[in-house]
Amino acid sequence: MKKIFYSLLLFASVTLFAQKNPTTRFAVANDVIGTVDMFNAKKSIVQSSNVYKTSANLPQNLKKYSSIAEKGLTEYKIKNGFDGLDKITLAQLNEQYQLPNNTPVFIDGYEFSNTETKVFGDILAKMEVKDNNGKKSLFISTLR
């Protein structure tokens, strides 16, 4: 009986860690991942935006982000002279946490297997290494 209970507990905890945050709305600017909330806080640097409601509506240059477009995806154009926002690749973040460069990274429950993907530093609120199916992975929360 204890084995069944522990198995269910383990399964529940793994499921909780891997759940996608339903409030996260991703955004892309100059091929770098951010969130809509991040850009709402930096309205002065935004030149324009396009909202795509579903992954099927994404233009060709954004198709590679279809896995994070479940709730839509917003593309921002940043004003000239404001391109200096901090950005980092997921591979570099893995290095900082002594993980292999090619280890998938989870942002608010969404798996990013391409670690050459760049993210804005402003979305990195909380980062921790957790076990993911027997392998250590970096989990990032965008919520402060």
N, C-alpha and C. Protein backbone atom coordinates (compact mmCIF):
# COMPACT_ATOMS: atom_id res chain seq x y z
N MET A 1 0.82 -1.19 0.00
CA MET A 1 0.00 0.00 0.00
C MET A 1 0.87 1.27 0.00
N LYS A 2 1.96 1.20 0.79
CA LYS A 2 2.85 2.36 0.83
C LYS A 2 3.48 2.64 -0.53
N LYS A 3 3.84 1.56 -1.24
CA LYS A 3 4.45 1.74 -2.55
C LYS A 3 3.49 2.42 -3.51
N ILE A 4 2.25 2.05 -3.47
CA ILE A 4 1.25 2.67 -4.34
C ILE A 4 1.08 4.15 -3.98
N PHE A 5 1.02 4.42 -2.69
CA PHE A 5 0.87 5.81 -2.23
C PHE A 5 2.07 6.65 -2.67
N TYR A 6 3.29 6.15 -2.47
CA TYR A 6 4.48 6.90 -2.86
C TYR A 6 4.55 7.08 -4.38
N SER A 7 4.14 6.07 -5.12
CA SER A 7 4.13 6.19 -6.58
C SER A 7 3.17 7.28 -7.03
N LEU A 8 1.98 7.32 -6.43
CA LEU A 8 1.02 8.37 -6.76
C LEU A 8 1.53 9.75 -6.36
N LEU A 9 2.17 9.82 -5.22
CA LEU A 9 2.72 11.10 -4.75
C LEU A 9 3.82 11.59 -5.69
N LEU A 10 4.69 10.69 -6.10
CA LEU A 10 5.76 11.03 -7.04
C LEU A 10 5.18 11.50 -8.37
N PHE A 11 4.19 10.79 -8.87
CA PHE A 11 3.55 11.17 -10.13
C PHE A 11 2.90 12.55 -10.02
N ALA A 12 2.24 12.81 -8.91
CA ALA A 12 1.58 14.11 -8.71
C ALA A 12 2.58 15.24 -8.65
N SER A 13 3.71 15.02 -7.98
CA SER A 13 4.71 16.08 -7.88
C SER A 13 5.35 16.36 -9.23
N VAL A 14 5.63 15.33 -10.01
CA VAL A 14 6.21 15.52 -11.34
C VAL A 14 5.22 16.26 -12.23
N THR A 15 3.94 15.93 -12.11
CA THR A 15 2.93 16.61 -12.92
C THR A 15 2.82 18.07 -12.54
N LEU A 16 2.91 18.37 -11.27
CA LEU A 16 2.83 19.76 -10.83
C LEU A 16 3.99 20.59 -11.35
N PHE A 17 5.20 20.03 -11.32
CA PHE A 17 6.38 20.77 -11.77
C PHE A 17 6.31 21.06 -13.27
N ALA A 18 5.69 20.16 -14.02
CA ALA A 18 5.69 20.30 -15.47
C ALA A 18 4.46 21.05 -16.00
N GLN A 19 3.61 21.52 -15.12
CA GLN A 19 2.41 22.21 -15.59
C GLN A 19 2.73 23.57 -16.17
N LYS A 20 2.03 23.87 -17.23
CA LYS A 20 2.21 25.16 -17.88
C LYS A 20 1.42 26.21 -17.12
N ASN A 21 2.03 27.37 -16.97
CA ASN A 21 1.36 28.47 -16.30
C ASN A 21 0.34 29.07 -17.26
N PRO A 22 -0.96 29.00 -16.93
CA PRO A 22 -1.98 29.49 -17.87
C PRO A 22 -1.99 31.01 -18.04
N THR A 23 -1.33 31.74 -17.16
CA THR A 23 -1.34 33.20 -17.28
C THR A 23 -0.18 33.74 -18.12
N THR A 24 0.79 32.89 -18.44
CA THR A 24 1.94 33.35 -19.22
C THR A 24 1.54 33.56 -20.67
N ARG A 25 1.80 34.77 -21.15
CA ARG A 25 1.58 35.09 -22.57
C ARG A 25 2.94 35.52 -23.12
N PHE A 26 3.46 34.69 -24.00
CA PHE A 26 4.79 34.94 -24.54
C PHE A 26 4.75 35.99 -25.64
N ALA A 27 5.88 36.65 -25.82
CA ALA A 27 6.05 37.65 -26.85
C ALA A 27 7.44 37.47 -27.47
N VAL A 28 7.59 37.98 -28.68
CA VAL A 28 8.87 37.89 -29.39
C VAL A 28 9.21 39.27 -29.94
N ALA A 29 10.45 39.66 -29.77
CA ALA A 29 10.96 40.90 -30.37
C ALA A 29 12.36 40.63 -30.88
N ASN A 30 12.57 40.86 -32.14
CA ASN A 30 13.89 40.65 -32.75
C ASN A 30 14.42 39.24 -32.49
N ASP A 31 13.54 38.26 -32.56
CA ASP A 31 13.89 36.84 -32.38
C ASP A 31 14.35 36.52 -30.96
N VAL A 32 13.88 37.28 -29.98
CA VAL A 32 14.19 37.05 -28.58
C VAL A 32 12.86 36.91 -27.83
N ILE A 33 12.79 35.91 -26.93
CA ILE A 33 11.56 35.61 -26.20
C ILE A 33 11.43 36.52 -24.98
N GLY A 34 10.24 37.03 -24.79
CA GLY A 34 9.87 37.80 -23.61
C GLY A 34 8.44 37.46 -23.24
N THR A 35 7.82 38.30 -22.45
CA THR A 35 6.41 38.12 -22.13
C THR A 35 5.67 39.42 -22.41
N VAL A 36 4.38 39.30 -22.60
CA VAL A 36 3.55 40.48 -22.83
C VAL A 36 3.63 41.40 -21.62
N ASP A 37 3.63 40.83 -20.42
CA ASP A 37 3.73 41.64 -19.20
C ASP A 37 5.02 42.45 -19.17
N MET A 38 6.11 41.85 -19.61
CA MET A 38 7.39 42.55 -19.64
C MET A 38 7.32 43.77 -20.55
N PHE A 39 6.72 43.59 -21.74
CA PHE A 39 6.62 44.70 -22.68
C PHE A 39 5.59 45.74 -22.23
N ASN A 40 4.55 45.31 -21.54
CA ASN A 40 3.59 46.28 -20.99
C ASN A 40 4.26 47.20 -19.99
N ALA A 41 5.25 46.68 -19.28
CA ALA A 41 5.99 47.50 -18.31
C ALA A 41 7.01 48.42 -18.99
N LYS A 42 7.31 48.15 -20.25
CA LYS A 42 8.30 48.94 -21.00
C LYS A 42 7.67 49.55 -22.25
N LYS A 43 6.50 50.10 -22.11
CA LYS A 43 5.77 50.63 -23.26
C LYS A 43 6.55 51.70 -24.03
N SER A 44 7.43 52.42 -23.36
CA SER A 44 8.15 53.50 -24.01
C SER A 44 9.13 53.02 -25.08
N ILE A 45 9.51 51.75 -25.06
CA ILE A 45 10.46 51.25 -26.06
C ILE A 45 9.76 50.55 -27.22
N VAL A 46 8.44 50.37 -27.13
CA VAL A 46 7.70 49.62 -28.14
C VAL A 46 7.27 50.54 -29.28
N GLN A 47 7.62 50.15 -30.49
CA GLN A 47 7.22 50.89 -31.67
C GLN A 47 5.85 50.42 -32.14
N SER A 48 5.68 49.08 -32.22
CA SER A 48 4.40 48.50 -32.66
C SER A 48 4.32 47.06 -32.18
N SER A 49 3.12 46.51 -32.30
CA SER A 49 2.94 45.10 -31.92
C SER A 49 1.88 44.46 -32.80
N ASN A 50 2.02 43.16 -33.00
CA ASN A 50 1.04 42.35 -33.72
C ASN A 50 0.69 41.17 -32.84
N VAL A 51 -0.59 40.94 -32.64
CA VAL A 51 -1.05 39.82 -31.82
C VAL A 51 -1.56 38.73 -32.74
N TYR A 52 -1.07 37.52 -32.53
CA TYR A 52 -1.52 36.35 -33.27
C TYR A 52 -2.26 35.45 -32.28
N LYS A 53 -3.54 35.22 -32.52
CA LYS A 53 -4.40 34.53 -31.55
C LYS A 53 -4.11 33.03 -31.44
N THR A 54 -3.69 32.41 -32.53
CA THR A 54 -3.41 30.97 -32.51
C THR A 54 -2.09 30.71 -33.24
N SER A 55 -1.55 29.53 -33.01
CA SER A 55 -0.30 29.17 -33.67
C SER A 55 -0.50 29.01 -35.18
N ALA A 56 -1.73 28.69 -35.60
CA ALA A 56 -2.01 28.54 -37.03
C ALA A 56 -1.90 29.88 -37.76
N ASN A 57 -2.10 30.98 -37.06
CA ASN A 57 -2.05 32.31 -37.68
C ASN A 57 -0.65 32.91 -37.72
N LEU A 58 0.33 32.23 -37.16
CA LEU A 58 1.68 32.79 -37.10
C LEU A 58 2.29 32.93 -38.50
N PRO A 59 2.98 34.06 -38.75
CA PRO A 59 3.69 34.17 -40.03
C PRO A 59 4.89 33.22 -40.04
N GLN A 60 5.45 33.02 -41.19
CA GLN A 60 6.54 32.05 -41.36
C GLN A 60 7.71 32.30 -40.41
N ASN A 61 8.08 33.56 -40.19
CA ASN A 61 9.24 33.85 -39.33
C ASN A 61 8.98 33.53 -37.86
N LEU A 62 7.73 33.31 -37.47
CA LEU A 62 7.42 32.98 -36.07
C LEU A 62 6.95 31.53 -35.89
N LYS A 63 6.90 30.75 -36.94
CA LYS A 63 6.43 29.36 -36.86
C LYS A 63 7.25 28.54 -35.86
N LYS A 64 8.53 28.85 -35.71
CA LYS A 64 9.37 28.09 -34.78
C LYS A 64 8.93 28.28 -33.33
N TYR A 65 8.08 29.27 -33.07
CA TYR A 65 7.57 29.52 -31.72
C TYR A 65 6.15 28.98 -31.51
N SER A 66 5.70 28.13 -32.40
CA SER A 66 4.32 27.63 -32.31
C SER A 66 4.06 26.84 -31.03
N SER A 67 5.09 26.24 -30.46
CA SER A 67 4.90 25.46 -29.23
C SER A 67 4.57 26.34 -28.02
N ILE A 68 4.88 27.62 -28.08
CA ILE A 68 4.57 28.51 -26.96
C ILE A 68 3.42 29.46 -27.30
N ALA A 69 2.76 29.21 -28.42
CA ALA A 69 1.69 30.10 -28.88
C ALA A 69 0.30 29.54 -28.60
N GLU A 70 0.16 28.67 -27.61
CA GLU A 70 -1.15 28.10 -27.29
C GLU A 70 -2.17 29.18 -26.97
N LYS A 71 -1.75 30.19 -26.26
CA LYS A 71 -2.63 31.30 -25.88
C LYS A 71 -2.37 32.51 -26.76
N GLY A 72 -1.77 32.28 -27.91
CA GLY A 72 -1.43 33.36 -28.81
C GLY A 72 0.01 33.79 -28.59
N LEU A 73 0.46 34.65 -29.47
CA LEU A 73 1.83 35.15 -29.41
C LEU A 73 1.81 36.59 -29.92
N THR A 74 2.53 37.44 -29.24
CA THR A 74 2.60 38.84 -29.64
C THR A 74 4.00 39.12 -30.15
N GLU A 75 4.06 39.76 -31.31
CA GLU A 75 5.35 40.17 -31.87
C GLU A 75 5.48 41.67 -31.69
N TYR A 76 6.57 42.08 -31.08
CA TYR A 76 6.83 43.50 -30.84
C TYR A 76 7.96 43.99 -31.73
N LYS A 77 7.83 45.22 -32.16
CA LYS A 77 8.92 45.93 -32.83
C LYS A 77 9.41 46.96 -31.83
N ILE A 78 10.71 46.97 -31.60
CA ILE A 78 11.31 47.88 -30.62
C ILE A 78 11.82 49.11 -31.35
N LYS A 79 11.63 50.27 -30.75
CA LYS A 79 12.10 51.53 -31.34
C LYS A 79 13.62 51.50 -31.53
N ASN A 80 14.07 52.18 -32.56
CA ASN A 80 15.52 52.30 -32.80
C ASN A 80 16.19 52.93 -31.59
N GLY A 81 17.35 52.40 -31.25
CA GLY A 81 18.10 52.93 -30.12
C GLY A 81 17.76 52.24 -28.80
N PHE A 82 16.76 51.36 -28.79
CA PHE A 82 16.37 50.67 -27.56
C PHE A 82 16.63 49.17 -27.65
N ASP A 83 17.52 48.77 -28.55
CA ASP A 83 17.80 47.35 -28.74
C ASP A 83 18.75 46.78 -27.69
N GLY A 84 19.14 47.58 -26.72
CA GLY A 84 20.14 47.16 -25.74
C GLY A 84 19.59 46.41 -24.54
N LEU A 85 18.39 45.86 -24.62
CA LEU A 85 17.86 45.08 -23.50
C LEU A 85 18.73 43.84 -23.27
N ASP A 86 18.89 43.45 -22.02
CA ASP A 86 19.67 42.26 -21.70
C ASP A 86 19.03 41.02 -22.31
N LYS A 87 19.84 40.23 -22.97
CA LYS A 87 19.37 38.97 -23.52
C LYS A 87 20.44 37.91 -23.34
N ILE A 88 20.00 36.67 -23.27
CA ILE A 88 20.91 35.56 -23.02
C ILE A 88 20.33 34.31 -23.66
N THR A 89 21.20 33.40 -24.11
CA THR A 89 20.71 32.14 -24.66
C THR A 89 20.42 31.17 -23.52
N LEU A 90 19.55 30.23 -23.79
CA LEU A 90 19.24 29.21 -22.78
C LEU A 90 20.46 28.33 -22.51
N ALA A 91 21.32 28.14 -23.53
CA ALA A 91 22.56 27.38 -23.33
C ALA A 91 23.46 28.07 -22.32
N GLN A 92 23.54 29.41 -22.38
CA GLN A 92 24.36 30.15 -21.42
C GLN A 92 23.78 30.04 -20.01
N LEU A 93 22.46 30.03 -19.90
CA LEU A 93 21.84 29.85 -18.58
C LEU A 93 22.16 28.46 -18.04
N ASN A 94 22.10 27.45 -18.91
CA ASN A 94 22.47 26.09 -18.48
C ASN A 94 23.90 26.06 -17.96
N GLU A 95 24.81 26.74 -18.65
CA GLU A 95 26.20 26.79 -18.22
C GLU A 95 26.32 27.40 -16.82
N GLN A 96 25.57 28.45 -16.58
CA GLN A 96 25.62 29.11 -15.27
C GLN A 96 25.19 28.17 -14.14
N TYR A 97 24.36 27.19 -14.46
CA TYR A 97 23.89 26.25 -13.46
C TYR A 97 24.57 24.89 -13.58
N GLN A 98 25.73 24.86 -14.24
CA GLN A 98 26.55 23.66 -14.43
C GLN A 98 25.76 22.50 -15.05
N LEU A 99 24.93 22.82 -16.03
CA LEU A 99 24.18 21.82 -16.78
C LEU A 99 24.73 21.77 -18.20
N PRO A 100 24.63 20.62 -18.87
CA PRO A 100 25.06 20.57 -20.27
C PRO A 100 24.31 21.60 -21.10
N ASN A 101 25.00 22.21 -22.06
CA ASN A 101 24.41 23.27 -22.89
C ASN A 101 23.11 22.86 -23.57
N ASN A 102 23.02 21.60 -23.99
CA ASN A 102 21.86 21.16 -24.77
C ASN A 102 20.70 20.64 -23.92
N THR A 103 20.75 20.82 -22.62
CA THR A 103 19.66 20.38 -21.74
C THR A 103 18.45 21.29 -21.94
N PRO A 104 17.27 20.71 -22.23
CA PRO A 104 16.08 21.54 -22.39
C PRO A 104 15.81 22.38 -21.13
N VAL A 105 15.28 23.57 -21.35
CA VAL A 105 14.95 24.50 -20.26
C VAL A 105 13.44 24.68 -20.24
N PHE A 106 12.88 24.79 -19.05
CA PHE A 106 11.44 24.98 -18.89
C PHE A 106 11.17 26.40 -18.40
N ILE A 107 10.34 27.13 -19.13
CA ILE A 107 9.95 28.47 -18.72
C ILE A 107 8.45 28.44 -18.47
N ASP A 108 8.06 28.62 -17.22
CA ASP A 108 6.66 28.55 -16.81
C ASP A 108 5.97 27.29 -17.31
N GLY A 109 6.72 26.18 -17.32
CA GLY A 109 6.17 24.89 -17.71
C GLY A 109 6.29 24.56 -19.18
N TYR A 110 6.68 25.52 -19.99
CA TYR A 110 6.85 25.30 -21.43
C TYR A 110 8.29 24.85 -21.68
N GLU A 111 8.43 23.73 -22.39
CA GLU A 111 9.76 23.19 -22.65
C GLU A 111 10.38 23.84 -23.88
N PHE A 112 11.62 24.30 -23.71
CA PHE A 112 12.40 24.87 -24.80
C PHE A 112 13.57 23.93 -25.04
N SER A 113 13.48 23.13 -26.11
CA SER A 113 14.54 22.15 -26.38
C SER A 113 15.68 22.78 -27.19
N ASN A 114 15.41 23.85 -27.93
CA ASN A 114 16.47 24.55 -28.66
C ASN A 114 17.12 25.54 -27.72
N THR A 115 18.28 25.20 -27.20
CA THR A 115 18.93 26.04 -26.20
C THR A 115 19.67 27.22 -26.81
N GLU A 116 19.65 27.36 -28.13
CA GLU A 116 20.20 28.56 -28.77
C GLU A 116 19.15 29.68 -28.78
N THR A 117 17.96 29.39 -28.29
CA THR A 117 16.90 30.39 -28.17
C THR A 117 17.35 31.47 -27.19
N LYS A 118 17.14 32.72 -27.57
CA LYS A 118 17.50 33.84 -26.70
C LYS A 118 16.26 34.29 -25.94
N VAL A 119 16.47 34.71 -24.68
CA VAL A 119 15.40 35.25 -23.86
C VAL A 119 15.87 36.59 -23.27
N PHE A 120 14.91 37.45 -22.99
CA PHE A 120 15.23 38.71 -22.33
C PHE A 120 15.47 38.45 -20.85
N GLY A 121 16.48 39.09 -20.30
CA GLY A 121 16.82 38.94 -18.90
C GLY A 121 15.69 39.35 -17.97
N ASP A 122 14.81 40.24 -18.42
CA ASP A 122 13.71 40.73 -17.59
C ASP A 122 12.70 39.65 -17.21
N ILE A 123 12.65 38.55 -17.96
CA ILE A 123 11.66 37.51 -17.64
C ILE A 123 12.21 36.47 -16.67
N LEU A 124 13.47 36.57 -16.29
CA LEU A 124 14.10 35.56 -15.44
C LEU A 124 13.90 35.92 -13.96
N ALA A 125 12.69 35.69 -13.46
CA ALA A 125 12.38 36.06 -12.08
C ALA A 125 12.93 35.06 -11.07
N LYS A 126 12.73 33.78 -11.33
CA LYS A 126 13.17 32.74 -10.41
C LYS A 126 13.69 31.56 -11.23
N MET A 127 14.90 31.11 -10.91
CA MET A 127 15.48 29.99 -11.63
C MET A 127 15.98 28.96 -10.64
N GLU A 128 15.69 27.69 -10.95
CA GLU A 128 16.18 26.62 -10.09
C GLU A 128 16.32 25.34 -10.90
N VAL A 129 17.26 24.51 -10.48
CA VAL A 129 17.49 23.22 -11.12
C VAL A 129 16.63 22.20 -10.38
N LYS A 130 15.85 21.45 -11.17
CA LYS A 130 14.99 20.41 -10.62
C LYS A 130 15.16 19.14 -11.43
N ASP A 131 14.72 18.05 -10.84
CA ASP A 131 14.77 16.77 -11.52
C ASP A 131 13.60 16.68 -12.50
N ASN A 132 13.89 16.30 -13.73
CA ASN A 132 12.87 16.13 -14.75
C ASN A 132 13.06 14.76 -15.38
N ASN A 133 12.25 13.81 -14.94
CA ASN A 133 12.35 12.43 -15.44
C ASN A 133 13.75 11.86 -15.29
N GLY A 134 14.34 12.08 -14.12
CA GLY A 134 15.66 11.54 -13.82
C GLY A 134 16.82 12.35 -14.34
N LYS A 135 16.54 13.48 -14.97
CA LYS A 135 17.60 14.33 -15.51
C LYS A 135 17.42 15.74 -14.96
N LYS A 136 18.51 16.37 -14.57
CA LYS A 136 18.45 17.72 -14.04
C LYS A 136 18.17 18.71 -15.17
N SER A 137 17.23 19.63 -14.92
CA SER A 137 16.87 20.65 -15.89
C SER A 137 16.67 21.97 -15.17
N LEU A 138 16.83 23.05 -15.92
CA LEU A 138 16.61 24.38 -15.39
C LEU A 138 15.15 24.76 -15.57
N PHE A 139 14.53 25.18 -14.47
CA PHE A 139 13.14 25.63 -14.50
C PHE A 139 13.13 27.12 -14.17
N ILE A 140 12.49 27.90 -15.03
CA ILE A 140 12.44 29.34 -14.87
C ILE A 140 10.99 29.77 -14.68
N SER A 141 10.79 30.65 -13.72
CA SER A 141 9.49 31.26 -13.51
C SER A 141 9.59 32.73 -13.90
N THR A 142 8.60 33.23 -14.63
CA THR A 142 8.60 34.62 -15.03
C THR A 142 7.85 35.50 -14.03
N LEU A 143 7.23 34.87 -13.06
CA LEU A 143 6.45 35.62 -12.07
C LEU A 143 7.33 36.09 -10.94
N ARG A 144 7.20 37.34 -10.60
CA ARG A 144 8.00 37.93 -9.50
C ARG A 144 7.25 37.82 -8.21
